[in-house]
Structures are given as structure tokens and as C-alpha cells.
Protein backbone atom coordinates (compact mmCIF):
# COMPACT_ATOMS: atom_id res chain seq x y z
CA MET A 1 0.00 0.00 0.00
CA ALA A 2 2.78 2.44 0.93
CA ALA A 3 4.70 1.61 -2.26
CA ARG A 4 1.60 2.13 -4.40
CA THR A 5 0.88 5.46 -2.72
CA LEU A 6 4.46 6.59 -3.35
CA LEU A 7 4.26 5.60 -7.02
CA LEU A 8 0.96 7.47 -7.47
CA LYS A 9 2.44 10.60 -5.85
CA LEU A 10 5.49 10.41 -8.10
CA GLU A 11 3.22 10.10 -11.14
CA ARG A 12 1.02 13.04 -10.06
CA SER A 13 4.09 15.24 -9.59
CA GLY A 14 5.32 14.34 -13.08
CA HIS A 15 8.43 12.37 -12.06
CA ILE A 16 7.30 9.04 -13.54
CA GLN A 17 4.60 7.69 -15.82
CA LEU A 18 2.85 4.50 -14.78
CA PRO A 19 1.27 2.09 -17.28
CA PRO A 20 -2.51 2.31 -17.63
CA ARG A 21 -4.60 0.45 -15.05
CA GLN A 22 -5.42 -3.10 -16.00
CA ARG A 23 -8.73 -3.06 -14.11
CA PRO A 24 -10.75 -0.64 -11.98
CA SER A 25 -9.81 -0.20 -8.35
CA SER A 26 -11.53 -2.66 -6.05
CA ASN A 27 -10.93 -0.39 -3.07
CA GLU A 28 -14.34 1.04 -2.24
CA PHE A 29 -12.79 3.52 0.22
CA ARG A 30 -10.34 5.04 -2.26
CA ASN A 31 -12.55 7.85 -3.49
CA ARG A 32 -14.98 7.87 -0.61
CA ARG A 33 -16.05 11.27 0.62
CA VAL A 34 -16.92 11.32 4.30
CA PRO A 35 -19.77 13.73 4.99
CA VAL A 36 -18.84 16.46 7.42
CA VAL A 37 -21.33 16.47 10.28
CA ALA A 38 -22.98 19.55 11.68
CA LEU A 39 -21.92 20.00 15.27
CA ALA A 40 -22.20 22.89 17.70
CA THR A 41 -19.05 24.95 17.19
CA GLU A 42 -19.40 27.62 19.84
CA PRO A 43 -16.38 27.65 22.15
CA ILE A 44 -16.64 25.95 25.51
CA HIS A 45 -15.32 28.35 28.14
CA GLY A 46 -14.30 27.43 31.66
CA ILE A 47 -11.94 25.15 33.45
CA LEU A 48 -11.57 21.44 32.96
CA ARG A 49 -12.97 20.44 36.35
CA ASP A 50 -16.28 22.08 35.38
CA LEU A 51 -16.51 19.79 32.34
CA ARG A 52 -15.81 16.60 34.28
CA PRO A 53 -16.47 13.84 34.33
CA LEU A 54 -15.34 13.28 30.78
CA ALA A 55 -16.59 10.06 29.22
CA GLY A 56 -14.85 8.20 26.43
CA SER A 57 -16.87 5.79 24.34
CA VAL A 58 -15.90 3.49 21.51
CA ALA A 59 -17.27 4.57 18.13
CA ALA A 60 -18.57 1.14 17.17
CA PRO A 61 -18.87 -0.03 13.55
CA ALA A 62 -22.06 1.14 11.76
CA SER A 63 -23.06 3.39 14.70
CA ALA A 64 -24.11 7.04 14.78
CA ASP A 65 -20.98 7.65 16.86
CA LEU A 66 -18.79 6.26 14.08
CA ARG A 67 -20.47 8.56 11.54
CA LEU A 68 -19.87 11.48 13.90
CA PHE A 69 -16.26 10.42 14.48
CA ASN A 70 -15.55 10.11 10.73
CA GLY A 71 -17.27 13.44 10.05
CA LEU A 72 -15.24 15.21 12.73
CA LEU A 73 -11.97 13.91 11.34
CA ALA A 74 -13.00 14.72 7.77
CA GLY A 75 -13.96 18.26 8.69
CA HIS A 76 -11.39 19.19 11.32
CA HIS A 77 -8.22 17.11 10.94
CA TYR A 78 -5.52 18.91 8.95
CA LEU A 79 -5.14 15.88 6.65
CA GLY A 80 -8.84 15.22 6.28
CA HIS A 81 -10.10 11.66 6.58
CA ARG A 82 -11.33 8.97 4.21
CA ASN A 83 -10.44 5.69 5.88
CA THR A 84 -8.07 4.06 8.33
CA VAL A 85 -5.58 1.29 7.66
CA GLY A 86 -5.17 -1.77 9.84
CA GLU A 87 -6.66 -2.47 13.22
CA ASN A 88 -7.63 0.58 15.24
CA LEU A 89 -9.82 1.89 18.01
CA ARG A 90 -11.89 5.06 17.69
CA TYR A 91 -13.17 6.99 20.68
CA LEU A 92 -15.41 10.00 21.16
CA VAL A 93 -14.97 12.03 24.34
CA ARG A 94 -17.92 13.91 25.83
CA ASP A 95 -18.19 16.28 28.77
CA ARG A 96 -20.71 15.96 31.60
CA MET A 97 -23.30 17.81 29.50
CA GLY A 98 -22.93 15.25 26.70
CA ARG A 99 -21.14 17.66 24.36
CA THR A 100 -18.54 16.07 22.10
CA VAL A 101 -15.20 17.63 23.03
CA ALA A 102 -12.67 15.32 21.36
CA CYS A 103 -12.09 12.24 19.28
CA ALA A 104 -9.10 9.91 19.42
CA LEU A 105 -7.88 7.29 16.98
CA PHE A 106 -5.40 4.65 18.10
CA GLY A 107 -3.90 2.61 15.28
CA SER A 108 -2.03 -0.65 15.57
CA ALA A 109 1.74 -0.50 15.67
CA ALA A 110 3.68 -1.63 12.65
CA TRP A 111 4.47 -5.33 12.85
CA LYS A 112 8.18 -4.72 12.40
CA CYS A 113 9.97 -1.42 12.73
CA ALA A 114 13.74 -1.85 13.02
CA ASP A 115 14.42 1.53 14.68
CA ARG A 116 11.71 1.00 17.29
CA ASP A 117 12.72 -2.62 17.85
CA ALA A 118 16.37 -1.62 18.38
CA TYR A 119 15.38 1.21 20.71
CA ILE A 120 13.29 -0.98 22.98
CA GLY A 121 15.84 -3.80 22.85
CA TRP A 122 13.54 -6.29 21.11
CA ASP A 123 14.96 -9.77 20.76
CA PRO A 124 13.02 -11.49 17.95
CA ALA A 125 14.43 -14.90 18.86
CA GLY A 126 13.45 -14.61 22.50
CA GLY A 127 10.25 -12.60 21.93
CA SER A 128 11.10 -10.07 24.60
CA ALA A 129 12.26 -6.49 25.05
CA THR A 130 14.31 -4.65 27.61
CA CYS A 131 14.02 -0.91 27.93
CA ASN A 132 17.19 0.88 26.79
CA ASP A 133 16.67 4.32 28.34
């Protein structure tokens, strides 16, 4: 996926020319446009303790919360949002009045990342790590 993305960027910038596609893309998310959701945008003034307790909830598949989550990322994240790659968890955070105040996306770590593995002291043969700080 990363290699394909790089090749497409190189083609768009005029550095290379790829051969024509052999078949249409089977990726239904590729050109998906996530609808931006209407949400109250007036600032919330005050101190954090007045908003507590904050409640985080999982934006479950096919739920209204997931549509809200996707719409918030599409409309407010600096990169926009069409889809996520790999396993991930999506959360919406609401204040005590039920107002949505944040969303958080936690993606799975890369299976292998040599720099990270060396930093944490990962031993692939032994399946363990020792912290090197």
C-alpha cells in the first residue's frame, strides 16, 4: 500500500509515468467522501474540572458515533479523513453535558519497525524487550 501510494504521488508530480490500469480499483474507500457532520461549534469556556467527568466511548462499527467520528476527522483534521488502515480503536470524548469535546484514533503499531525494535531492545528470537533508556 505504501509503495503504491508513493508511485501514485510520483506520477502526479510528473516524475514518472505509470502504465494504464489493467482493471478498476476494487478499493471502495479510495474515493470515498466522508460527509462532514454539523456539530455545535461555539467555544466551551471554563476550566476542565467544570466539564468533568469526561466520558470516552468506543465509536462502534455502523453506529451514529462512528459517523460522527468520521465526520469530525474529515472536517477538522488537517489531513482530512477517508479511511483508516489496519486495526484501530476510535473513541469519542464527551463532557458531563454530553457535548462532544474530542475524538481519538489509536492505530495498531507496525508489525516490524527496526528503529523502534532496536530502541526498545527487542529480541526477535526470544520474543522479549528490555528498555534501553
